[in-house]
Amino acid sequence: MGEAMFTIRNLAVAEGNTPKGILVQAQSLFETGRVVTPSKMALTNRKKYGLGKEPAVDVKDVQKILRKTSFDELIYRGSQSK
């Protein structure tokens, strides 16, 4: 049953029917290299627990991968249908 749901979801996304929340995360990934922007509390907790600064993200490398897999086209198509 789970495999059928993935197939249906993938078909919907391929046709530009992407849920807004997923689309926002995908756009964030493309623009910043991160799905979620860390909150001030998360950054404070990193320091509190000795984790240091959040790791740097090479956005250009992330975008290169997303373009190679045509993910950027799915993002663009999804945002056009909203």
C-alpha atoms as a PDB file:
ATOM      1  CA  MET A   1       0.000   0.000   0.000  1.00  0.00           C
ATOM      2  CA  GLY A   2       2.814   2.432   0.876  1.00  0.00           C
ATOM      3  CA  GLU A   3       4.452   2.021  -2.522  1.00  0.00           C
ATOM      4  CA  ALA A   4       1.211   2.941  -4.278  1.00  0.00           C
ATOM      5  CA  MET A   5       0.965   6.125  -2.201  1.00  0.00           C
ATOM      6  CA  PHE A   6       4.511   7.132  -3.165  1.00  0.00           C
ATOM      7  CA  THR A   7       3.658   6.553  -6.810  1.00  0.00           C
ATOM      8  CA  ILE A   8       0.493   8.650  -6.590  1.00  0.00           C
ATOM      9  CA  ARG A   9       2.337  11.433  -4.749  1.00  0.00           C
ATOM     10  CA  ASN A  10       5.156  11.423  -7.297  1.00  0.00           C
ATOM     11  CA  LEU A  11       2.684  11.641 -10.173  1.00  0.00           C
ATOM     12  CA  ALA A  12       0.891  14.546  -8.501  1.00  0.00           C
ATOM     13  CA  VAL A  13       4.158  16.427  -7.956  1.00  0.00           C
ATOM     14  CA  ALA A  14       5.265  15.758 -11.540  1.00  0.00           C
ATOM     15  CA  GLU A  15       2.069  17.474 -12.689  1.00  0.00           C
ATOM     16  CA  GLY A  16       2.609  20.482 -10.421  1.00  0.00           C
ATOM     17  CA  ASN A  17       0.257  19.450  -7.618  1.00  0.00           C
ATOM     18  CA  THR A  18       2.622  19.980  -4.712  1.00  0.00           C
ATOM     19  CA  PRO A  19       1.301  20.743  -1.204  1.00  0.00           C
ATOM     20  CA  LYS A  20       2.219  24.297  -0.201  1.00  0.00           C
ATOM     21  CA  GLY A  21       4.199  23.207   2.882  1.00  0.00           C
ATOM     22  CA  ILE A  22       6.350  20.849   0.832  1.00  0.00           C
ATOM     23  CA  LEU A  23       6.839  23.516  -1.815  1.00  0.00           C
ATOM     24  CA  VAL A  24       7.994  26.059   0.797  1.00  0.00           C
ATOM     25  CA  GLN A  25      10.527  23.562   2.168  1.00  0.00           C
ATOM     26  CA  ALA A  26      11.741  22.704  -1.329  1.00  0.00           C
ATOM     27  CA  GLN A  27      12.190  26.377  -2.213  1.00  0.00           C
ATOM     28  CA  SER A  28      14.088  26.923   1.036  1.00  0.00           C
ATOM     29  CA  LEU A  29      16.350  23.981   0.219  1.00  0.00           C
ATOM     30  CA  PHE A  30      17.096  25.442  -3.213  1.00  0.00           C
ATOM     31  CA  GLU A  31      17.659  29.003  -1.957  1.00  0.00           C
ATOM     32  CA  THR A  32      19.536  28.344   1.306  1.00  0.00           C
ATOM     33  CA  GLY A  33      20.676  24.731   1.169  1.00  0.00           C
ATOM     34  CA  ARG A  34      18.492  24.022   4.210  1.00  0.00           C
ATOM     35  CA  VAL A  35      14.930  22.803   4.546  1.00  0.00           C
ATOM     36  CA  VAL A  36      14.370  24.642   7.824  1.00  0.00           C
ATOM     37  CA  THR A  37      16.008  27.843   9.035  1.00  0.00           C
ATOM     38  CA  PRO A  38      17.230  27.304  12.586  1.00  0.00           C
ATOM     39  CA  SER A  39      15.412  29.342  15.211  1.00  0.00           C
ATOM     40  CA  LYS A  40      17.229  31.588  17.675  1.00  0.00           C
ATOM     41  CA  MET A  41      16.454  29.010  20.364  1.00  0.00           C
ATOM     42  CA  ALA A  42      18.051  26.234  18.299  1.00  0.00           C
ATOM     43  CA  LEU A  43      21.171  28.340  17.809  1.00  0.00           C
ATOM     44  CA  THR A  44      21.266  29.125  21.533  1.00  0.00           C
ATOM     45  CA  ASN A  45      20.905  25.425  22.356  1.00  0.00           C
ATOM     46  CA  ARG A  46      23.761  24.526  19.983  1.00  0.00           C
ATOM     47  CA  LYS A  47      25.998  26.854  21.978  1.00  0.00           C
ATOM     48  CA  LYS A  48      24.613  25.577  25.302  1.00  0.00           C
ATOM     49  CA  TYR A  49      25.404  21.969  24.392  1.00  0.00           C
ATOM     50  CA  GLY A  50      28.821  22.753  22.954  1.00  0.00           C
ATOM     51  CA  LEU A  51      27.907  22.089  19.338  1.00  0.00           C
ATOM     52  CA  GLY A  52      29.383  25.341  18.043  1.00  0.00           C
ATOM     53  CA  LYS A  53      28.053  27.193  15.028  1.00  0.00           C
ATOM     54  CA  GLU A  54      25.746  25.428  12.632  1.00  0.00           C
ATOM     55  CA  PRO A  55      27.603  23.785   9.750  1.00  0.00           C
ATOM     56  CA  ALA A  56      28.090  25.892   6.648  1.00  0.00           C
ATOM     57  CA  VAL A  57      26.181  24.917   3.531  1.00  0.00           C
ATOM     58  CA  ASP A  58      27.553  25.370   0.036  1.00  0.00           C
ATOM     59  CA  VAL A  59      24.327  26.541  -1.605  1.00  0.00           C
ATOM     60  CA  LYS A  60      25.853  26.380  -5.078  1.00  0.00           C
ATOM     61  CA  ASP A  61      26.659  22.686  -4.612  1.00  0.00           C
ATOM     62  CA  VAL A  62      23.130  21.988  -3.361  1.00  0.00           C
ATOM     63  CA  GLN A  63      21.661  23.848  -6.337  1.00  0.00           C
ATOM     64  CA  LYS A  64      23.921  21.941  -8.722  1.00  0.00           C
ATOM     65  CA  ILE A  65      22.591  18.629  -7.398  1.00  0.00           C
ATOM     66  CA  LEU A  66      18.979  19.846  -7.490  1.00  0.00           C
ATOM     67  CA  ARG A  67      19.396  21.015 -11.081  1.00  0.00           C
ATOM     68  CA  LYS A  68      21.016  17.721 -12.132  1.00  0.00           C
ATOM     69  CA  THR A  69      18.001  15.825 -10.771  1.00  0.00           C
ATOM     70  CA  SER A  70      15.501  18.356 -12.251  1.00  0.00           C
ATOM     71  CA  PHE A  71      14.264  19.103  -8.738  1.00  0.00           C
ATOM     72  CA  ASP A  72      14.430  22.825  -9.478  1.00  0.00           C
ATOM     73  CA  GLU A  73      11.964  22.337 -12.337  1.00  0.00           C
ATOM     74  CA  LEU A  74       9.521  20.589 -10.001  1.00  0.00           C
ATOM     75  CA  ILE A  75       9.784  23.488  -7.557  1.00  0.00           C
ATOM     76  CA  TYR A  76       9.180  26.037 -10.306  1.00  0.00           C
ATOM     77  CA  ARG A  77       6.274  24.057 -11.813  1.00  0.00           C
ATOM     78  CA  GLY A  78       4.694  23.625  -8.374  1.00  0.00           C
ATOM     79  CA  SER A  79       4.931  27.314  -7.535  1.00  0.00           C
ATOM     80  CA  GLN A  80       3.330  28.255 -10.872  1.00  0.00           C
ATOM     81  CA  SER A  81       0.237  26.151 -10.198  1.00  0.00           C
ATOM     82  CA  LYS A  82      -0.500  27.853  -6.870  1.00  0.00           C
END
